[in-house]
């Protein structure tokens, strides 16, 4: 009833005359039915054929009664039954003749179906994408295009060219510009549904971090614990740091060696001067050539190729990637990030990222100290209630074992390794998660291998023998 009253009010207030008149008539009828003894409600409206028809609908017609309708209904039913029987017989005859004619036509003329399966699609694999926006040539233009919000085509073109411009060695990018570019890419949102937006943005951030690891990594690790960032942006920071650490830890390329001199008959070696090599020959090479010239060789075995020493780009910045992330993991004063509370998913990704950074710092001078500090971090979280956090911690333990020399594990970190062994055994026996149990067993095998490798060197390591695995 309340909805009906609202509908009547809407009709009465309508500017259309017909709708307003309908609302007036319904309102008068409702007021009379709801309060028959009260003063009747009366509106002023034109009395025409439509008004008379609406008023006639208020008074229902008289019911002729059921007895008067039964004979009429039976008579009509008999008449309709006879007509239906005659019509059905005639329809059967027509359908029979029609089916015979259809079979004859099908035998005479073959049926051809109109289908789209016979149409061959065009080969559009080599079509070039047409765009009105030209890709930027300089990194400054690319940065301005990424900051523009009115032109989605320009943003897409700049985002596609960002990685190429950043990695191009001919484009000299300043350190301040690199940090600003990382900031713009980190806050860039997909407002126009750009194709491959996440992948292009991620690769551009990785390229910026790889080319300027100290500045960009310091910025990302500092901003990770700052407020006013959502979970997706924090996860992006961790993914960029992990990918950049892996790329920086790979060898940049073997050093170019000076051309070797061919030996003459009789054992004499040709001497290569510094002027012939453009002043780039090593003095050790010259001394070795002179020694070989005055040395008689009765028999010469197969020459052993020395493994060239390569410069690690990540060793210099490993601490910048690692230690800032360990600083405020237990801080609870932030209103947007609580790693030890509701944001346990971010905590697991943080542990995974630290494990990747630990493995990337293999053979770095700071790797041993990083392993000690990382084990303390793992030890503080070893009893976490979430299974995926414990899985991340076990992954981190494996990275510590693989990244630290066996001698350092069994001597300098003997106490940490012994406590870790008992913790891994406890996980194998009492943990409710099957994957945690499997990862703990794998870590125990890695510890056993490290203990065997150290025992082969002649140093005692009996106190670290893993019981319960053999």
Protein backbone atom coordinates (compact mmCIF):
# COMPACT_ATOMS: atom_id res chain seq x y z
CA UNK A 1 0.00 0.00 0.00
CA UNK A 2 2.87 2.37 0.73
CA UNK A 3 4.33 1.77 -2.71
CA UNK A 4 0.94 2.39 -4.28
CA UNK A 5 0.57 5.71 -2.48
CA UNK A 6 4.03 6.75 -3.67
CA UNK A 7 3.10 5.79 -7.22
CA UNK A 8 -0.13 7.80 -7.00
CA UNK A 9 1.79 10.80 -5.73
CA UNK A 10 4.26 10.48 -8.62
CA UNK A 11 1.41 10.34 -11.14
CA UNK A 12 -0.37 13.33 -9.64
CA UNK A 13 2.83 15.39 -9.74
CA UNK A 14 3.57 14.42 -13.37
CA UNK A 15 3.55 17.24 -15.96
CA UNK A 16 1.88 14.94 -18.54
CA UNK A 17 -1.91 15.56 -18.51
CA UNK A 18 -2.90 11.95 -19.14
CA UNK A 19 -0.61 10.59 -16.41
CA UNK A 20 -1.73 13.27 -13.96
CA UNK A 21 -5.42 12.51 -14.68
CA UNK A 22 -4.85 8.78 -14.11
CA UNK A 23 -3.26 9.54 -10.74
CA UNK A 24 -6.19 11.78 -9.76
CA UNK A 25 -8.78 9.12 -10.57
CA UNK A 26 -6.87 6.40 -8.68
CA UNK A 27 -6.42 8.76 -5.71
CA UNK A 28 -10.17 9.47 -5.60
CA UNK A 29 -10.97 5.75 -5.75
CA UNK A 30 -8.48 4.86 -2.99
CA UNK A 31 -9.73 7.61 -0.69
CA UNK A 32 -13.31 6.39 -1.13
CA UNK A 33 -12.38 2.75 -0.45
CA UNK A 34 -10.19 3.53 2.55
CA UNK A 35 -12.61 5.98 4.20
CA UNK A 36 -16.17 5.47 2.88
CA UNK A 37 -17.78 7.68 5.58
CA UNK A 38 -15.37 10.56 5.31
CA UNK A 39 -15.36 13.55 3.00
CA UNK A 40 -14.61 12.29 -0.53
CA UNK A 41 -11.48 13.47 -2.32
CA UNK A 42 -12.24 15.35 -5.53
CA UNK A 43 -9.87 16.67 -8.22
CA UNK A 44 -10.59 18.96 -11.11
CA UNK A 45 -9.93 17.32 -14.48
CA UNK A 46 -11.58 17.32 -17.90
CA UNK A 47 -14.43 14.86 -18.43
CA UNK A 48 -13.92 13.24 -21.81
CA UNK A 49 -14.02 9.76 -23.29
CA UNK A 50 -10.77 8.67 -21.59
CA UNK A 51 -11.98 9.93 -18.21
CA UNK A 52 -15.31 8.15 -18.63
CA UNK A 53 -13.50 4.95 -19.57
CA UNK A 54 -11.22 5.13 -16.51
CA UNK A 55 -14.19 5.79 -14.22
CA UNK A 56 -16.06 2.83 -15.73
CA UNK A 57 -13.17 0.53 -14.84
CA UNK A 58 -13.69 1.37 -11.18
CA UNK A 59 -17.18 -0.24 -11.23
CA UNK A 60 -16.90 -3.98 -12.16
CA UNK A 61 -19.52 -5.53 -14.46
CA UNK A 62 -22.28 -7.75 -13.02
CA UNK A 63 -21.51 -11.53 -12.79
CA UNK A 64 -23.93 -13.56 -14.97
CA UNK A 65 -23.49 -16.57 -12.67
CA UNK A 66 -22.09 -20.04 -13.16
CA UNK A 67 -25.40 -21.90 -13.98
CA UNK A 68 -26.02 -19.62 -16.96
CA UNK A 69 -22.53 -20.22 -18.35
CA UNK A 70 -22.52 -24.07 -18.16
CA UNK A 71 -24.96 -24.83 -21.04
CA UNK A 72 -23.38 -22.26 -23.28
CA UNK A 73 -19.91 -23.66 -22.53
CA UNK A 74 -20.98 -27.28 -23.31
CA UNK A 75 -22.57 -26.32 -26.64
CA UNK A 76 -19.52 -24.35 -27.72
CA UNK A 77 -17.25 -27.24 -26.71
CA UNK A 78 -19.14 -29.76 -28.92
CA UNK A 79 -19.06 -27.44 -31.93
CA UNK A 80 -15.32 -26.81 -31.51
CA UNK A 81 -14.60 -30.56 -31.15
CA UNK A 82 -16.29 -31.36 -34.51
CA UNK A 83 -14.45 -28.55 -36.26
CA UNK A 84 -11.14 -29.65 -34.73
CA UNK A 85 -11.59 -33.26 -35.90
CA UNK A 86 -12.31 -32.18 -39.50
CA UNK A 87 -9.37 -29.77 -39.51
CA UNK A 88 -6.98 -32.40 -38.12
CA UNK A 89 -7.84 -34.93 -40.83
CA UNK A 90 -7.32 -32.34 -43.54
CA UNK A 91 -3.98 -31.26 -42.01
CA UNK A 92 -2.78 -34.90 -41.96
CA UNK A 93 -3.56 -35.27 -45.66
CA UNK A 94 -1.71 -32.06 -46.51
CA UNK A 95 1.36 -33.06 -44.42
CA UNK A 96 1.55 -36.46 -46.13
CA UNK A 97 1.53 -34.92 -49.60
CA UNK A 98 4.06 -32.27 -48.52
CA UNK A 99 6.49 -34.92 -47.17
CA UNK A 100 6.31 -36.88 -50.45
CA UNK A 101 7.08 -33.77 -52.49
CA UNK A 102 9.96 -32.86 -50.16
CA UNK A 103 11.60 -36.31 -50.51
CA UNK A 104 11.40 -36.10 -54.30
CA UNK A 105 13.00 -32.66 -54.33
CA UNK A 106 15.82 -33.79 -52.00
CA UNK A 107 16.62 -36.70 -54.33
CA UNK A 108 16.61 -34.48 -57.39
CA UNK A 109 18.58 -31.47 -56.09
CA UNK A 110 21.59 -31.75 -53.65
CA UNK A 111 21.36 -29.60 -50.55
CA UNK A 112 24.01 -26.89 -50.06
CA UNK A 113 24.46 -25.36 -46.61
CA UNK A 114 25.58 -21.80 -46.12
CA UNK A 115 28.35 -21.93 -43.50
CA UNK A 116 31.27 -19.70 -42.45
CA UNK A 117 33.63 -22.65 -42.16
CA UNK A 118 34.66 -22.37 -45.82
CA UNK A 119 35.87 -18.78 -45.38
CA UNK A 120 39.63 -18.48 -44.90
CA UNK A 121 40.73 -15.87 -42.34
CA UNK A 122 43.22 -13.22 -43.28
CA UNK A 123 46.77 -13.51 -42.00
CA UNK A 124 47.14 -10.54 -39.65
CA UNK A 125 50.25 -11.71 -37.81
CA UNK A 126 52.56 -9.35 -39.72
CA UNK A 127 50.32 -6.31 -39.51
CA UNK A 128 52.01 -3.30 -37.97
CA UNK A 129 50.23 -1.52 -35.16
CA UNK A 130 49.11 1.89 -36.32
CA UNK A 131 49.43 4.68 -33.78
CA UNK A 132 49.36 8.43 -34.11
CA UNK A 133 51.85 8.97 -31.30
CA UNK A 134 55.53 8.72 -32.12
CA UNK A 135 57.71 6.94 -29.55
CA UNK A 136 59.95 9.24 -27.51
CA UNK A 137 63.62 9.56 -28.44
CA UNK A 138 65.02 10.88 -25.15
CA UNK A 139 64.40 9.79 -21.61
CA UNK A 140 63.20 13.28 -20.65
CA UNK A 141 60.41 13.12 -23.23
CA UNK A 142 59.51 9.65 -21.98
CA UNK A 143 59.27 10.93 -18.41
CA UNK A 144 57.04 13.84 -19.46
CA UNK A 145 54.80 11.47 -21.40
CA UNK A 146 54.36 9.14 -18.45
CA UNK A 147 53.33 12.06 -16.24
CA UNK A 148 50.69 13.27 -18.71
CA UNK A 149 47.17 12.10 -17.84
CA UNK A 150 45.12 13.43 -20.77
CA UNK A 151 46.63 11.45 -23.66
CA UNK A 152 46.42 7.66 -23.23
CA UNK A 153 48.11 6.99 -26.59
CA UNK A 154 51.15 8.97 -25.52
CA UNK A 155 51.33 7.14 -22.19
CA UNK A 156 51.23 3.79 -23.99
CA UNK A 157 53.96 4.84 -26.45
CA UNK A 158 56.21 6.13 -23.66
CA UNK A 159 55.66 3.03 -21.56
CA UNK A 160 56.63 0.75 -24.45
CA UNK A 161 59.80 2.74 -25.13
CA UNK A 162 60.79 3.22 -21.47
CA UNK A 163 62.84 0.05 -21.07
CA UNK A 164 64.69 0.53 -24.36
CA UNK A 165 65.61 4.12 -23.53
CA UNK A 166 66.74 3.25 -20.01
CA UNK A 167 68.97 0.37 -21.14
CA UNK A 168 70.44 2.31 -24.04
CA UNK A 169 74.00 3.16 -23.05
CA UNK A 170 74.08 6.13 -25.41
CA UNK A 171 71.40 7.92 -23.46
CA UNK A 172 73.08 9.49 -20.45
CA UNK A 173 70.57 9.46 -17.62
CA UNK A 174 71.34 11.40 -14.48
CA UNK A 175 70.91 9.85 -11.07
CA UNK A 176 68.17 12.28 -10.04
CA UNK A 177 66.27 11.52 -13.23
CA UNK A 178 66.53 7.78 -12.53
CA UNK A 179 65.01 8.17 -9.07
CA UNK A 180 62.24 10.39 -10.43
CA UNK A 181 61.55 7.87 -13.19
CA UNK A 182 61.28 5.04 -10.66
CA UNK A 183 58.86 7.16 -8.61
CA UNK A 184 56.66 7.91 -11.63
CA UNK A 185 56.60 4.26 -12.73
CA UNK A 186 55.79 3.08 -9.21
CA UNK A 187 52.77 5.41 -8.92
CA UNK A 188 51.60 4.90 -12.51
CA UNK A 189 48.08 3.41 -12.68
CA UNK A 190 46.39 1.62 -15.57
CA UNK A 191 43.61 4.16 -16.05
CA UNK A 192 43.14 3.50 -19.78
CA UNK A 193 43.48 -0.34 -19.91
CA UNK A 194 46.76 -0.25 -21.82
CA UNK A 195 47.79 -3.58 -23.34
CA UNK A 196 50.54 -5.37 -21.35
CA UNK A 197 50.61 -2.50 -18.88
CA UNK A 198 51.84 -4.50 -15.88
CA UNK A 199 54.61 -6.25 -17.83
CA UNK A 200 55.91 -3.06 -19.46
CA UNK A 201 55.85 -1.17 -16.17
CA UNK A 202 57.61 -4.01 -14.35
CA UNK A 203 60.37 -4.31 -16.97
CA UNK A 204 60.91 -0.55 -16.99
CA UNK A 205 61.31 -0.54 -13.20
CA UNK A 206 63.78 -3.44 -13.40
CA UNK A 207 65.81 -1.63 -16.07
CA UNK A 208 65.94 1.51 -13.93
CA UNK A 209 67.06 -0.48 -10.88
CA UNK A 210 69.71 -2.39 -12.82
CA UNK A 211 71.24 0.73 -14.39
CA UNK A 212 71.17 2.71 -11.13
CA UNK A 213 71.10 0.06 -8.39
CA UNK A 214 72.32 2.19 -5.50
CA UNK A 215 69.93 5.12 -5.96
CA UNK A 216 66.81 3.21 -7.03
CA UNK A 217 67.23 0.33 -4.57
CA UNK A 218 67.73 2.79 -1.73
CA UNK A 219 64.55 4.61 -2.80
CA UNK A 220 62.45 1.43 -3.08
CA UNK A 221 63.62 -0.08 0.21
CA UNK A 222 62.98 3.22 2.01
CA UNK A 223 59.52 3.65 0.52
CA UNK A 224 58.51 0.07 1.30
CA UNK A 225 57.77 0.90 4.95
CA UNK A 226 56.30 4.35 4.27
CA UNK A 227 52.53 4.94 4.60
CA UNK A 228 50.14 5.85 1.77
CA UNK A 229 51.06 2.79 -0.31
CA UNK A 230 48.68 -0.05 -1.10
CA UNK A 231 49.52 -3.74 -0.96
CA UNK A 232 49.97 -4.01 -4.74
CA UNK A 233 52.60 -1.27 -4.80
CA UNK A 234 54.53 -2.85 -1.93
CA UNK A 235 54.50 -6.22 -3.68
CA UNK A 236 55.71 -4.50 -6.86
CA UNK A 237 58.65 -3.05 -4.95
CA UNK A 238 59.65 -6.50 -3.70
CA UNK A 239 59.31 -8.09 -7.14
CA UNK A 240 61.42 -5.38 -8.75
CA UNK A 241 64.15 -5.71 -6.11
CA UNK A 242 64.27 -9.50 -6.48
CA UNK A 243 64.39 -9.41 -10.29
CA UNK A 244 67.02 -6.66 -10.34
CA UNK A 245 69.18 -8.57 -7.84
CA UNK A 246 69.08 -11.68 -10.01
CA UNK A 247 69.99 -9.73 -13.14
CA UNK A 248 72.84 -7.87 -11.43
CA UNK A 249 74.29 -11.11 -10.05
CA UNK A 250 74.67 -12.61 -13.52
CA UNK A 251 78.07 -12.20 -15.18
CA UNK A 252 78.14 -9.21 -17.48
CA UNK A 253 80.45 -11.03 -19.94
CA UNK A 254 83.88 -12.57 -20.13
CA UNK A 255 86.76 -10.12 -20.23
CA UNK A 256 88.43 -9.69 -23.57
CA UNK A 257 91.83 -11.44 -23.55
CA UNK A 258 94.75 -10.23 -25.67
CA UNK A 259 95.37 -12.24 -28.85
CA UNK A 260 97.57 -15.26 -28.27
CA UNK A 261 100.75 -15.57 -30.25
CA UNK A 262 101.31 -18.61 -32.46
CA UNK A 263 104.30 -20.78 -31.71
CA UNK A 264 107.00 -21.20 -34.32
CA UNK A 265 108.81 -24.40 -35.15
CA UNK A 266 111.69 -25.09 -32.75
CA UNK A 267 109.78 -23.83 -29.73
CA UNK A 268 110.34 -20.12 -30.30
CA UNK A 269 107.46 -17.84 -29.40
CA UNK A 270 106.76 -14.63 -31.16
CA UNK A 271 106.96 -11.61 -28.92
CA UNK A 272 104.05 -9.21 -28.95
CA UNK A 273 104.94 -5.70 -28.01
CA UNK A 274 102.76 -3.26 -26.20
CA UNK A 275 102.66 -1.02 -29.23
CA UNK A 276 101.23 -3.82 -31.37
CA UNK A 277 98.40 -4.32 -28.88
CA UNK A 278 97.72 -0.64 -28.61
CA UNK A 279 99.20 -0.42 -25.11
CA UNK A 280 96.61 -2.80 -23.60
CA UNK A 281 98.79 -5.92 -23.12
CA UNK A 282 99.22 -7.15 -19.57
CA UNK A 283 102.76 -7.18 -18.16
CA UNK A 284 102.26 -10.74 -16.97
CA UNK A 285 101.63 -11.79 -20.57
CA UNK A 286 104.87 -10.16 -21.70
CA UNK A 287 106.91 -11.81 -18.94
CA UNK A 288 105.38 -15.20 -19.72
CA UNK A 289 106.22 -14.79 -23.40
CA UNK A 290 109.87 -14.07 -22.60
CA UNK A 291 110.07 -17.08 -20.29
CA UNK A 292 108.57 -19.32 -22.94
CA UNK A 293 111.05 -18.00 -25.50
CA UNK A 294 114.06 -19.11 -23.44
CA UNK A 295 112.59 -22.42 -22.28
CA UNK A 296 113.04 -25.80 -24.00
CA UNK A 297 109.94 -28.02 -23.99
CA UNK A 298 110.55 -31.76 -24.40
CA UNK A 299 106.87 -32.62 -23.96
CA UNK A 300 103.86 -30.42 -23.58
CA UNK A 301 100.57 -31.55 -22.14
CA UNK A 302 97.16 -30.21 -22.79
CA UNK A 303 96.90 -26.59 -21.77
CA UNK A 304 94.46 -25.92 -18.95
CA UNK A 305 92.23 -22.99 -19.54
CA UNK A 306 91.96 -20.82 -16.49
CA UNK A 307 88.54 -19.65 -15.45
CA UNK A 308 88.44 -15.89 -15.99
CA UNK A 309 87.55 -13.71 -13.05
CA UNK A 310 84.45 -11.61 -13.67
CA UNK A 311 83.37 -8.51 -11.86
CA UNK A 312 80.15 -8.85 -9.83
CA UNK A 313 77.93 -5.84 -10.21
CA UNK A 314 75.73 -6.91 -7.31
CA UNK A 315 78.51 -7.34 -4.72
CA UNK A 316 78.87 -3.57 -4.32
CA UNK A 317 75.17 -2.95 -3.67
CA UNK A 318 74.11 -6.16 -1.91
CA UNK A 319 73.80 -4.39 1.44
CA UNK A 320 71.61 -1.66 -0.07
CA UNK A 321 69.15 -4.30 -1.31
CA UNK A 322 69.24 -6.33 1.91
CA UNK A 323 69.61 -4.37 5.13
CA UNK A 324 66.96 -1.61 4.69
CA UNK A 325 64.29 -4.32 4.33
CA UNK A 326 65.30 -5.80 7.70
CA UNK A 327 64.99 -2.53 9.56
CA UNK A 328 61.31 -2.00 10.36
CA UNK A 329 59.65 -5.39 9.84
CA UNK A 330 58.44 -5.41 13.47
CA UNK A 331 57.17 -1.83 13.50
CA UNK A 332 53.50 -1.49 14.46
CA UNK A 333 53.04 2.29 14.41
CA UNK A 334 52.16 2.32 10.71
CA UNK A 335 48.44 2.45 9.99
CA UNK A 336 48.81 0.97 6.50
CA UNK A 337 51.29 -1.88 7.10
CA UNK A 338 51.40 -4.46 9.89
CA UNK A 339 53.68 -7.30 8.86
CA UNK A 340 53.33 -9.18 12.13
CA UNK A 341 49.54 -8.81 12.08
CA UNK A 342 47.08 -8.70 9.21
CA UNK A 343 49.66 -8.23 6.42
CA UNK A 344 51.25 -11.66 6.76
CA UNK A 345 51.06 -12.13 2.98
CA UNK A 346 53.37 -9.16 2.49
CA UNK A 347 55.66 -10.62 5.16
CA UNK A 348 55.96 -13.89 3.24
CA UNK A 349 56.84 -12.02 0.04
CA UNK A 350 59.38 -9.98 1.99
CA UNK A 351 61.08 -13.17 3.23
CA UNK A 352 61.12 -14.61 -0.30
CA UNK A 353 62.69 -11.40 -1.63
CA UNK A 354 65.36 -11.42 1.08
CA UNK A 355 66.10 -15.04 0.20
CA UNK A 356 66.57 -14.17 -3.46
CA UNK A 357 68.84 -11.24 -2.54
CA UNK A 358 70.81 -13.56 -0.25
CA UNK A 359 71.36 -16.06 -3.05
CA UNK A 360 72.29 -13.28 -5.49
CA UNK A 361 75.04 -12.12 -3.11
CA UNK A 362 76.93 -15.40 -3.53
CA UNK A 363 80.73 -14.88 -3.24
CA UNK A 364 80.22 -11.27 -2.17
CA UNK A 365 82.42 -10.08 0.71
CA UNK A 366 79.37 -9.11 2.74
CA UNK A 367 77.57 -12.44 2.18
CA UNK A 368 78.74 -14.06 5.43
CA UNK A 369 77.55 -11.16 7.59
CA UNK A 370 74.27 -11.10 5.68
CA UNK A 371 73.81 -14.82 6.41
CA UNK A 372 74.30 -14.28 10.16
CA UNK A 373 71.82 -11.40 10.29
CA UNK A 374 69.37 -13.25 8.09
CA UNK A 375 69.40 -16.29 10.39
CA UNK A 376 68.56 -14.02 13.33
CA UNK A 377 65.65 -12.61 11.35
CA UNK A 378 64.43 -16.13 10.50
CA UNK A 379 64.84 -17.25 14.10
CA UNK A 380 62.57 -14.46 15.34
CA UNK A 381 59.73 -15.60 13.03
CA UNK A 382 60.16 -19.38 13.15
CA UNK A 383 56.95 -19.96 15.15
CA UNK A 384 54.63 -17.98 12.86
CA UNK A 385 51.07 -19.32 12.71
CA UNK A 386 50.58 -18.98 8.94
CA UNK A 387 51.94 -21.93 6.91
CA UNK A 388 52.91 -19.83 3.89
CA UNK A 389 55.10 -17.66 6.13
CA UNK A 390 56.85 -20.77 7.47
CA UNK A 391 57.35 -21.96 3.90
CA UNK A 392 59.00 -18.64 3.06
CA UNK A 393 61.27 -19.00 6.12
CA UNK A 394 62.31 -22.50 5.06
CA UNK A 395 63.08 -21.18 1.58
CA UNK A 396 65.23 -18.49 3.19
CA UNK A 397 67.12 -21.13 5.20
CA UNK A 398 67.88 -23.01 1.98
CA UNK A 399 69.21 -19.81 0.40
CA UNK A 400 71.49 -19.23 3.39
CA UNK A 401 72.90 -22.76 3.16
CA UNK A 402 73.48 -22.48 -0.60
CA UNK A 403 74.99 -18.99 -0.45
CA UNK A 404 77.41 -19.50 2.45
CA UNK A 405 80.61 -21.57 2.17
CA UNK A 406 80.54 -24.85 4.07
CA UNK A 407 83.55 -23.81 6.14
CA UNK A 408 81.77 -20.68 7.38
CA UNK A 409 78.59 -22.61 8.13
CA UNK A 410 80.35 -25.23 10.24
CA UNK A 411 82.77 -22.95 12.06
CA UNK A 412 81.63 -19.32 12.23
CA UNK A 413 77.89 -20.15 12.29
CA UNK A 414 78.01 -23.45 14.16
CA UNK A 415 75.60 -22.37 16.90
CA UNK A 416 73.04 -20.99 14.44
CA UNK A 417 73.25 -24.10 12.30
CA UNK A 418 72.86 -26.42 15.30
CA UNK A 419 69.72 -24.59 16.49
CA UNK A 420 68.38 -24.53 12.94
CA UNK A 421 68.89 -28.31 12.69
CA UNK A 422 66.77 -28.95 15.80
CA UNK A 423 64.10 -26.57 14.47
CA UNK A 424 63.98 -28.41 11.12
CA UNK A 425 63.64 -31.75 12.87
CA UNK A 426 60.78 -30.37 14.95
CA UNK A 427 59.01 -29.17 11.78
CA UNK A 428 59.37 -32.62 10.19
CA UNK A 429 57.75 -34.29 13.20
CA UNK A 430 55.11 -31.83 14.41
CA UNK A 431 54.22 -29.34 11.67
CA UNK A 432 50.68 -29.62 10.28
CA UNK A 433 51.58 -28.48 6.78
CA UNK A 434 52.94 -31.21 4.49
CA UNK A 435 54.85 -28.79 2.27
CA UNK A 436 56.65 -27.38 5.32
CA UNK A 437 57.66 -30.89 6.31
CA UNK A 438 58.99 -31.57 2.82
CA UNK A 439 60.97 -28.34 2.70
CA UNK A 440 62.42 -29.02 6.17
CA UNK A 441 63.64 -32.43 4.99
CA UNK A 442 65.29 -30.85 1.95
CA UNK A 443 67.06 -28.30 4.15
CA UNK A 444 68.33 -31.09 6.39
CA UNK A 445 69.77 -32.83 3.35
CA UNK A 446 71.51 -29.61 2.34
CA UNK A 447 72.99 -29.30 5.82
CA UNK A 448 74.17 -32.90 5.67
CA UNK A 449 75.89 -32.25 2.34
CA UNK A 450 77.58 -29.16 3.72
CA UNK A 451 78.76 -31.15 6.73
CA UNK A 452 80.19 -33.88 4.51
CA UNK A 453 82.00 -31.36 2.32
CA UNK A 454 83.54 -29.76 5.36
CA UNK A 455 84.54 -33.10 6.89
CA UNK A 456 86.42 -34.01 3.71
CA UNK A 457 88.74 -31.07 4.30
CA UNK A 458 89.94 -32.63 7.54
CA UNK A 459 88.14 -30.33 9.98
CA UNK A 460 86.01 -31.85 12.74
CA UNK A 461 82.28 -31.48 12.25
CA UNK A 462 80.89 -34.40 14.23
CA UNK A 463 78.83 -32.14 16.43
CA UNK A 464 76.78 -31.06 13.44
CA UNK A 465 75.88 -34.54 12.17
CA UNK A 466 72.21 -34.61 11.37
CA UNK A 467 70.51 -37.37 13.33
CA UNK A 468 67.21 -38.72 12.13
CA UNK A 469 68.00 -38.49 8.40
CA UNK A 470 70.14 -41.59 7.90
